Amino acid sequence: MPVTPPPPPPSAPSPPPPPAAARRRAVRSALVAGFGALGLLAAFTIAASQAAEGTGRARADAAVAAAAAAALPAYDHVVVVVYENKQYGEIIGSANAPYINQLANGGASLTGMKALTHPSQPNYFNLFSGSTQGITGDGCYTPQSMTAPNLGQELIAAGKTFATYNEDLPAEGSTACSSGQYAQKHNPWFAFKNVPLNTGKTWAQFPQGDFAALPDLSFVVPNQCNDMHSCPVATGDTWTRTHLDAYAQWAKANNSLLVLTWDEDNYLGSNQIATVFHGANVKPGRYATSFNHHHLLRTFEDLFGTATHAGNAANVQPISEVFTASTEPTPTPTPTPTPTPTSSPGGLKLVDPGPRTCAFNQTCTIQLTATGLPWGLTLDPATGRITGKPWATGTLRITATATDTTPTTDTTTFPLTLNWF
């Protein structure tokens, strides 16, 4: 007679979440509950740091990445400036960086950009070669000791020109570990034997009077004061205005691009960093997609059509959403007049308060205002505020939603940086 098989064993219960994840959920729940009591919906998203993607995903994304690369503009010149050790909220929206914010507001600002590690030097290698190359600290490397693929080598192989302009570098091609405010740890290009030493130039060699003489792609590395490592944000901002504003304006009219980025944050946040694209063929706006230094490297490679992609840049897509499809210089946009508030139903608008900063476990108040309410109604300041003592650090994206009785709903999103002090 047939034998009835025994029933399958019951499914094992799901394992409990790790303590760290449970604590993070508890913190988010507490914050959202506090904000929700004010009648506003606040949504927080903290992008996780991206690890290097595997080759399997690279194959799956190959067709999409190729299409994105094909849509990139063909620039005559790209200048990349790298700064040091600042959180996103210390730059974007900060009164200490008025010029950089001017560039960000007139260009494309990446709000989801993160560095991959700490300390500084491994991030420079990630940006230049798609890998840390085994570098884990800031100690001086052996010059010309590496042969791994990198951006400089790829550009030269593609028939493009490449150079770096390093403030306080003692002389062109110098492999000195340090000199005054110059530090080798911010210049990975000297580590690679397949990159000529004479591509490492002094800041005095930057062609201020003739930007058309610039290489196809170049890096600018200020010294350790002007890159904000050892001096205030305002110092670096002033240096940028003084030395690079002329190029920034020229780039918009001459099919060229200026990119500002940072190596890492100050260890007190989620390693979110500011990155700004300014110049021709850039679509102004804020872009929240999660990116890291590997994406930035891939973008530079694809802008100039290199035949290969260095390290983990081969496994990611370029940052294409910030560019227009045209290869013609982008005209300066005409400012859009601020609309007059309307009293008709359905005209509710919640005003973006802009980037805000709060201190860890200190009372924090953010005033929200609205326009377009039906006539005779106003937003009560008591319920139009986000208040409390945040129990978290890092830069969060806050989404506030307001609904009137018509009902009409309007939503705005802004960055909130929570610092320790």
Protein backbone atom coordinates (compact mmCIF):
# COMPACT_ATOMS: atom_id res chain seq x y z
CA MET A 1 0.00 0.00 0.00
CA PRO A 2 1.28 3.57 -0.68
CA VAL A 3 3.07 5.31 2.11
CA THR A 4 1.97 8.84 2.94
CA PRO A 5 5.06 11.04 3.32
CA PRO A 6 5.32 12.98 6.56
CA PRO A 7 4.32 16.65 6.40
CA PRO A 8 7.19 19.08 5.84
CA PRO A 9 8.64 20.60 8.99
CA PRO A 10 7.41 24.06 9.87
CA SER A 11 9.47 26.94 8.57
CA ALA A 12 12.11 28.16 10.95
CA PRO A 13 11.31 31.48 12.53
CA SER A 14 13.12 34.45 11.07
CA PRO A 15 16.24 35.35 13.07
CA PRO A 16 15.94 38.49 15.16
CA PRO A 17 17.45 41.62 13.64
CA PRO A 18 20.98 42.49 14.75
CA PRO A 19 21.18 44.84 17.74
CA ALA A 20 22.61 47.70 15.65
CA ALA A 21 19.72 47.56 13.18
CA ALA A 22 17.21 47.40 16.04
CA ARG A 23 18.76 50.46 17.63
CA ARG A 24 18.67 52.37 14.35
CA ARG A 25 14.98 51.54 13.89
CA ALA A 26 14.25 52.63 17.43
CA VAL A 27 15.97 55.97 16.85
CA ARG A 28 14.09 56.58 13.62
CA SER A 29 10.77 55.60 15.25
CA ALA A 30 11.35 57.99 18.12
CA LEU A 31 12.23 60.86 15.81
CA VAL A 32 9.30 60.28 13.46
CA ALA A 33 6.90 59.98 16.42
CA GLY A 34 8.16 63.29 17.80
CA PHE A 35 7.76 65.10 14.51
CA GLY A 36 4.41 63.46 13.80
CA ALA A 37 2.95 64.99 16.98
CA LEU A 38 3.25 68.37 15.30
CA GLY A 39 0.89 67.43 12.51
CA LEU A 40 3.65 67.21 9.89
CA LEU A 41 4.92 64.08 8.22
CA ALA A 42 8.73 63.90 8.33
CA ALA A 43 10.36 61.13 6.35
CA PHE A 44 13.98 60.30 6.87
CA THR A 45 16.20 58.37 4.55
CA ILE A 46 19.86 57.76 5.16
CA ALA A 47 21.54 56.15 2.19
CA ALA A 48 23.77 53.24 3.09
CA SER A 49 27.41 53.41 2.05
CA GLN A 50 27.89 51.61 -1.23
CA ALA A 51 30.34 48.74 -1.38
CA ALA A 52 32.10 47.83 -4.60
CA GLU A 53 29.70 46.11 -6.97
CA GLY A 54 30.46 42.59 -8.23
CA THR A 55 31.30 41.65 -11.76
CA GLY A 56 28.01 39.78 -12.15
CA ARG A 57 26.06 42.99 -11.68
CA ALA A 58 28.47 44.73 -14.07
CA ARG A 59 27.52 42.33 -16.84
CA ALA A 60 23.82 42.82 -16.14
CA ASP A 61 24.20 46.59 -16.25
CA ALA A 62 26.55 46.71 -19.25
CA ALA A 63 23.90 47.63 -21.82
CA VAL A 64 22.37 50.31 -19.59
CA ALA A 65 25.78 51.78 -18.76
CA ALA A 66 26.74 51.90 -22.45
CA ALA A 67 23.54 53.77 -23.26
CA ALA A 68 24.17 56.23 -20.42
CA ALA A 69 27.74 56.83 -21.60
CA ALA A 70 26.52 57.50 -25.12
CA ALA A 71 24.24 60.23 -23.77
CA LEU A 72 27.06 62.15 -22.10
CA PRO A 73 28.26 65.41 -23.63
CA ALA A 74 31.66 65.66 -25.31
CA TYR A 75 33.59 68.29 -23.35
CA ASP A 76 36.65 70.19 -24.47
CA HIS A 77 37.94 70.57 -20.90
CA VAL A 78 37.04 69.16 -17.49
CA VAL A 79 38.61 70.51 -14.27
CA VAL A 80 38.10 68.51 -11.04
CA VAL A 81 38.83 70.15 -7.66
CA VAL A 82 39.18 67.94 -4.57
CA TYR A 83 38.66 69.30 -1.05
CA GLU A 84 39.03 67.72 2.38
CA ASN A 85 37.16 66.34 5.38
CA LYS A 86 33.82 68.14 5.39
CA GLN A 87 30.27 66.86 5.78
CA TYR A 88 27.69 67.70 3.13
CA GLY A 89 25.89 70.10 5.49
CA GLU A 90 29.09 71.97 6.28
CA ILE A 91 29.22 73.03 2.63
CA ILE A 92 25.81 72.98 0.96
CA GLY A 93 23.55 75.56 2.58
CA SER A 94 26.34 76.86 4.80
CA ALA A 95 26.88 80.59 5.16
CA ASN A 96 30.59 79.81 5.31
CA ALA A 97 30.64 78.71 1.66
CA PRO A 98 28.69 81.37 -0.27
CA TYR A 99 30.63 80.98 -3.51
CA ILE A 100 30.46 77.18 -3.64
CA ASN A 101 26.73 77.41 -2.95
CA GLN A 102 26.45 79.89 -5.81
CA LEU A 103 28.02 77.29 -8.09
CA ALA A 104 25.77 74.57 -6.66
CA ASN A 105 22.62 76.64 -7.13
CA GLY A 106 23.57 77.42 -10.71
CA GLY A 107 24.63 73.87 -11.50
CA ALA A 108 23.97 70.29 -10.43
CA SER A 109 24.41 69.31 -6.78
CA LEU A 110 24.61 65.63 -5.80
CA THR A 111 22.77 65.21 -2.50
CA GLY A 112 23.31 61.44 -2.37
CA MET A 113 27.09 61.44 -2.86
CA LYS A 114 29.20 59.51 -0.35
CA ALA A 115 32.85 58.74 0.16
CA LEU A 116 33.69 55.05 0.44
CA THR A 117 36.03 54.91 3.41
CA HIS A 118 38.35 56.74 5.82
CA PRO A 119 40.95 58.27 6.02
CA SER A 120 41.77 60.59 3.12
CA GLN A 121 44.30 58.75 0.98
CA PRO A 122 42.29 55.59 0.15
CA ASN A 123 39.50 57.80 -1.16
CA TYR A 124 41.87 59.58 -3.55
CA PHE A 125 42.95 56.19 -4.90
CA ASN A 126 39.29 55.16 -5.27
CA LEU A 127 38.60 58.32 -7.26
CA PHE A 128 41.66 57.91 -9.50
CA SER A 129 41.90 54.13 -9.94
CA GLY A 130 38.62 52.59 -8.76
CA SER A 131 40.36 50.86 -5.86
CA THR A 132 42.29 51.70 -2.71
CA GLN A 133 45.19 49.64 -4.14
CA GLY A 134 45.67 48.26 -0.64
CA ILE A 135 46.20 51.72 0.86
CA THR A 136 44.57 51.97 4.28
CA GLY A 137 46.22 55.01 5.84
CA ASP A 138 47.72 58.41 5.05
CA GLY A 139 51.38 57.37 5.05
CA CYS A 140 53.56 58.17 2.06
CA TYR A 141 53.61 55.55 -0.69
CA THR A 142 56.53 54.52 -2.88
CA PRO A 143 56.38 56.68 -6.04
CA GLN A 144 55.98 54.91 -9.39
CA SER A 145 55.46 51.55 -7.64
CA MET A 146 52.02 50.64 -9.03
CA THR A 147 50.92 49.58 -12.50
CA ALA A 148 47.15 49.18 -11.99
CA PRO A 149 44.78 50.82 -14.49
CA ASN A 150 43.89 54.41 -13.60
CA LEU A 151 42.26 57.48 -15.07
CA GLY A 152 45.48 59.18 -16.16
CA GLN A 153 46.78 56.12 -17.97
CA GLU A 154 43.40 55.52 -19.64
CA LEU A 155 43.10 59.08 -20.89
CA ILE A 156 46.60 59.04 -22.36
CA ALA A 157 45.90 55.69 -24.05
CA ALA A 158 42.75 57.22 -25.56
CA GLY A 159 44.80 60.05 -27.08
CA LYS A 160 43.58 62.59 -24.52
CA THR A 161 45.66 64.96 -22.42
CA PHE A 162 45.82 64.75 -18.63
CA ALA A 163 47.49 66.79 -15.91
CA THR A 164 47.18 67.68 -12.23
CA TYR A 165 47.81 71.08 -10.63
CA ASN A 166 49.00 70.75 -7.06
CA GLU A 167 49.30 73.79 -4.82
CA ASP A 168 52.68 73.99 -2.99
CA LEU A 169 54.13 71.07 -4.96
CA PRO A 170 57.89 71.88 -4.87
CA ALA A 171 58.38 71.33 -8.62
CA GLU A 172 56.77 69.65 -11.62
CA GLY A 173 56.92 65.88 -11.14
CA SER A 174 58.19 66.12 -7.57
CA THR A 175 57.52 62.95 -5.56
CA ALA A 176 58.21 64.61 -2.22
CA CYS A 177 56.21 63.22 0.70
CA SER A 178 55.44 66.70 2.01
CA SER A 179 56.54 70.28 1.55
CA GLY A 180 55.01 73.15 3.49
CA GLN A 181 51.24 72.77 3.08
CA TYR A 182 51.67 70.22 0.29
CA ALA A 183 50.97 66.54 1.09
CA GLN A 184 51.62 63.56 -1.20
CA LYS A 185 48.65 61.70 0.38
CA HIS A 186 46.31 63.92 -1.66
CA ASN A 187 48.00 63.08 -4.97
CA PRO A 188 47.64 59.39 -5.96
CA TRP A 189 48.89 59.93 -9.51
CA PHE A 190 52.57 59.83 -8.49
CA ALA A 191 52.10 56.23 -7.27
CA PHE A 192 51.54 54.85 -10.78
CA LYS A 193 54.40 53.97 -13.11
CA ASN A 194 52.04 54.16 -16.11
CA VAL A 195 51.40 57.89 -15.50
CA PRO A 196 54.27 60.21 -16.51
CA LEU A 197 55.63 62.23 -13.60
CA ASN A 198 55.56 65.41 -15.65
CA THR A 199 51.75 65.32 -15.66
CA GLY A 200 51.97 66.35 -11.98
CA LYS A 201 52.33 70.11 -12.21
CA THR A 202 52.59 72.99 -9.77
CA TRP A 203 49.71 75.38 -9.17
CA ALA A 204 51.76 78.15 -10.82
CA GLN A 205 51.48 76.19 -14.08
CA PHE A 206 47.68 76.37 -14.14
CA PRO A 207 46.94 78.46 -17.28
CA GLN A 208 44.94 81.25 -15.66
CA GLY A 209 45.20 83.52 -18.68
CA ASP A 210 44.41 80.90 -21.31
CA PHE A 211 41.94 78.17 -20.27
CA ALA A 212 41.92 76.78 -23.80
CA ALA A 213 45.45 75.56 -23.02
CA LEU A 214 44.16 73.25 -20.28
CA PRO A 215 44.41 69.48 -20.81
CA ASP A 216 41.27 67.54 -21.68
CA LEU A 217 40.94 66.56 -18.01
CA SER A 218 42.84 67.95 -15.05
CA PHE A 219 42.73 67.75 -11.28
CA VAL A 220 43.26 70.76 -9.04
CA VAL A 221 44.44 69.98 -5.51
CA PRO A 222 44.66 73.01 -3.17
CA ASN A 223 47.15 72.87 -0.31
CA GLN A 224 46.07 71.61 3.12
CA CYS A 225 44.80 75.02 4.16
CA ASN A 226 42.88 75.96 1.04
CA ASP A 227 41.36 72.47 0.67
CA MET A 228 39.67 72.98 4.09
CA HIS A 229 41.74 70.24 5.76
CA SER A 230 43.55 72.54 8.20
CA CYS A 231 41.69 75.82 7.69
CA PRO A 232 38.01 76.84 7.88
CA VAL A 233 35.47 76.24 5.14
CA ALA A 234 35.41 79.98 4.45
CA THR A 235 39.12 79.92 3.59
CA GLY A 236 38.62 77.25 0.94
CA ASP A 237 35.53 78.98 -0.39
CA THR A 238 37.40 82.27 -0.81
CA TRP A 239 40.32 80.49 -2.48
CA THR A 240 37.93 78.86 -4.93
CA ARG A 241 36.28 82.14 -5.84
CA THR A 242 39.64 83.89 -6.24
CA HIS A 243 41.35 81.23 -8.35
CA LEU A 244 38.60 79.36 -10.18
CA ASP A 245 35.66 81.70 -10.74
CA ALA A 246 37.14 82.90 -14.03
CA TYR A 247 37.30 79.31 -15.27
CA ALA A 248 33.79 78.54 -13.95
CA GLN A 249 32.34 81.39 -16.00
CA TRP A 250 34.46 80.56 -19.04
CA ALA A 251 33.46 76.89 -18.90
CA LYS A 252 29.75 77.67 -19.35
CA ALA A 253 30.42 79.49 -22.60
CA ASN A 254 33.17 77.21 -23.90
CA ASN A 255 31.84 73.65 -23.73
CA SER A 256 33.76 72.86 -20.53
CA LEU A 257 33.02 71.61 -17.03
CA LEU A 258 34.04 72.32 -13.43
CA VAL A 259 33.52 69.59 -10.81
CA LEU A 260 33.96 70.16 -7.06
CA THR A 261 34.10 67.16 -4.74
CA TRP A 262 35.43 66.09 -1.32
CA ASP A 263 37.51 63.13 -0.22
CA GLU A 264 35.50 62.27 2.94
CA ASP A 265 33.48 63.83 5.77
CA ASN A 266 34.79 64.70 9.23
CA TYR A 267 34.08 61.24 10.73
CA LEU A 268 31.00 62.59 12.54
CA GLY A 269 28.41 61.83 9.87
CA SER A 270 27.49 59.14 7.34
CA ASN A 271 30.40 60.07 5.00
CA GLN A 272 28.02 62.12 2.85
CA ILE A 273 29.98 64.71 0.89
CA ALA A 274 29.15 67.60 -1.40
CA THR A 275 29.75 67.25 -5.15
CA VAL A 276 28.91 69.99 -7.64
CA PHE A 277 28.89 70.06 -11.47
CA HIS A 278 29.01 73.53 -13.02
CA GLY A 279 29.47 74.50 -16.65
CA ALA A 280 28.15 73.83 -20.13
CA ASN A 281 25.52 71.12 -20.70
CA VAL A 282 24.68 70.84 -16.98
CA LYS A 283 21.05 70.64 -15.87
CA PRO A 284 20.71 72.77 -12.72
CA GLY A 285 19.10 71.01 -9.79
CA ARG A 286 19.63 68.66 -6.87
CA TYR A 287 20.09 64.97 -7.58
CA ALA A 288 19.45 62.47 -4.78
CA THR A 289 20.69 59.26 -6.47
CA SER A 290 23.26 57.37 -4.37
CA PHE A 291 26.71 57.84 -5.88
CA ASN A 292 30.30 57.41 -4.71
CA HIS A 293 33.83 58.02 -6.01
CA HIS A 294 33.65 55.00 -8.32
CA HIS A 295 30.67 56.55 -10.12
CA LEU A 296 32.56 59.82 -10.44
CA LEU A 297 35.58 58.05 -11.92
CA ARG A 298 33.33 56.17 -14.37
CA THR A 299 31.79 59.48 -15.43
CA PHE A 300 35.18 61.00 -16.25
CA GLU A 301 36.16 57.89 -18.21
CA ASP A 302 32.95 57.92 -20.23
CA LEU A 303 33.04 61.67 -20.86
CA PHE A 304 36.25 61.07 -22.82
CA GLY A 305 35.47 57.59 -24.17
CA THR A 306 38.29 55.59 -22.61
CA ALA A 307 38.51 52.02 -23.90
CA THR A 308 38.68 50.56 -20.40
CA HIS A 309 37.44 51.33 -16.90
CA ALA A 310 39.70 51.21 -13.88
CA GLY A 311 38.93 48.94 -10.94
CA ASN A 312 35.39 49.16 -9.61
CA ALA A 313 34.49 51.90 -12.09
CA ALA A 314 33.82 49.01 -14.49
CA ASN A 315 30.98 47.85 -12.24
CA VAL A 316 28.97 51.07 -11.97
CA GLN A 317 27.20 53.47 -14.27
CA PRO A 318 28.27 57.04 -15.02
CA ILE A 319 26.49 60.00 -13.45
CA SER A 320 24.48 60.92 -16.54
CA GLU A 321 21.35 62.52 -15.11
CA VAL A 322 23.05 65.88 -14.48
CA PHE A 323 23.80 66.51 -18.16
CA THR A 324 21.75 67.76 -21.07
CA ALA A 325 21.93 65.82 -24.32
CA SER A 326 23.25 68.81 -26.25
CA THR A 327 26.95 69.31 -26.89
CA GLU A 328 26.44 73.05 -27.31
CA PRO A 329 27.28 75.42 -24.45
CA THR A 330 24.35 75.82 -22.07
CA PRO A 331 23.11 79.42 -21.84
CA THR A 332 22.76 80.99 -18.44
CA PRO A 333 19.17 80.24 -17.35
CA THR A 334 16.78 83.12 -16.85
CA PRO A 335 15.64 83.29 -13.22
CA THR A 336 12.04 82.23 -12.73
CA PRO A 337 9.98 84.92 -10.96
CA THR A 338 8.64 83.94 -7.57
CA PRO A 339 4.89 83.27 -7.98
CA THR A 340 2.48 85.45 -6.05
CA PRO A 341 0.62 83.46 -3.36
CA THR A 342 -2.92 82.68 -4.39
CA SER A 343 -5.94 82.56 -2.11
CA SER A 344 -7.90 80.16 -4.28
CA PRO A 345 -8.54 76.62 -3.04
CA GLY A 346 -5.96 74.10 -4.22
CA GLY A 347 -3.09 76.63 -4.17
CA LEU A 348 -1.37 75.41 -1.01
CA LYS A 349 2.44 75.57 -1.22
CA LEU A 350 4.88 74.61 1.52
CA VAL A 351 8.06 76.73 1.33
CA ASP A 352 11.42 74.91 1.23
CA PRO A 353 13.33 76.18 4.29
CA GLY A 354 16.67 75.21 2.74
CA PRO A 355 19.47 73.23 4.41
CA ARG A 356 19.42 73.37 8.21
CA THR A 357 21.88 72.35 10.92
CA CYS A 358 21.19 71.15 14.47
CA ALA A 359 23.45 70.04 17.32
CA PHE A 360 23.42 66.63 18.99
CA ASN A 361 21.01 66.52 21.97
CA GLN A 362 20.45 70.29 21.77
CA THR A 363 17.08 71.93 21.26
CA CYS A 364 16.42 72.27 17.54
CA THR A 365 13.70 74.44 15.91
CA ILE A 366 12.95 74.60 12.19
CA GLN A 367 10.30 77.06 11.07
CA LEU A 368 8.09 75.91 8.19
CA THR A 369 5.86 78.34 6.33
CA ALA A 370 3.22 77.93 3.63
CA THR A 371 1.76 80.08 0.88
CA GLY A 372 -1.45 79.79 -1.07
CA LEU A 373 -3.74 79.04 1.88
CA PRO A 374 -7.44 79.91 1.43
CA TRP A 375 -8.12 83.52 2.35
CA GLY A 376 -8.37 84.20 6.06
CA LEU A 377 -6.31 81.15 7.09
CA THR A 378 -2.68 81.21 8.33
CA LEU A 379 -0.21 78.57 9.35
CA ASP A 380 -0.04 78.43 13.14
CA PRO A 381 3.62 78.82 14.19
CA ALA A 382 2.96 76.35 17.00
CA THR A 383 2.18 73.59 14.50
CA GLY A 384 4.38 74.85 11.66
CA ARG A 385 7.59 74.01 13.48
CA ILE A 386 9.73 70.93 13.87
CA THR A 387 11.13 70.94 17.39
CA GLY A 388 12.86 68.51 19.75
CA LYS A 389 16.22 67.17 20.72
CA PRO A 390 17.58 64.90 17.95
CA TRP A 391 19.23 61.73 19.12
CA ALA A 392 21.26 60.98 16.00
CA THR A 393 24.06 62.41 13.87
CA GLY A 394 24.58 62.76 10.14
CA THR A 395 22.74 64.48 7.32
CA LEU A 396 19.14 63.38 6.84
CA ARG A 397 16.62 64.18 4.12
CA ILE A 398 13.48 65.61 5.72
CA THR A 399 10.18 65.44 3.87
CA ALA A 400 7.38 67.64 5.22
CA THR A 401 3.82 67.31 3.92
CA ALA A 402 0.95 69.73 4.61
CA THR A 403 -2.71 69.18 3.71
CA ASP A 404 -5.51 71.75 3.73
CA THR A 405 -9.27 71.18 3.87
CA THR A 406 -9.89 71.27 0.11
CA PRO A 407 -7.98 68.81 0.39
CA THR A 408 -4.74 69.89 -1.29
CA THR A 409 -1.38 68.46 -0.32
CA ASP A 410 2.07 69.90 -0.89
CA THR A 411 5.42 68.35 0.01
CA THR A 412 8.94 69.72 0.31
CA THR A 413 12.22 67.98 1.07
CA PHE A 414 15.32 69.54 2.60
CA PRO A 415 18.59 68.34 4.18
CA LEU A 416 18.97 68.46 7.98
CA THR A 417 22.47 67.99 9.38
CA LEU A 418 22.75 66.73 12.96
CA ASN A 419 26.19 67.47 14.40
CA TRP A 420 27.72 66.42 17.70
CA PHE A 421 28.43 70.06 18.62
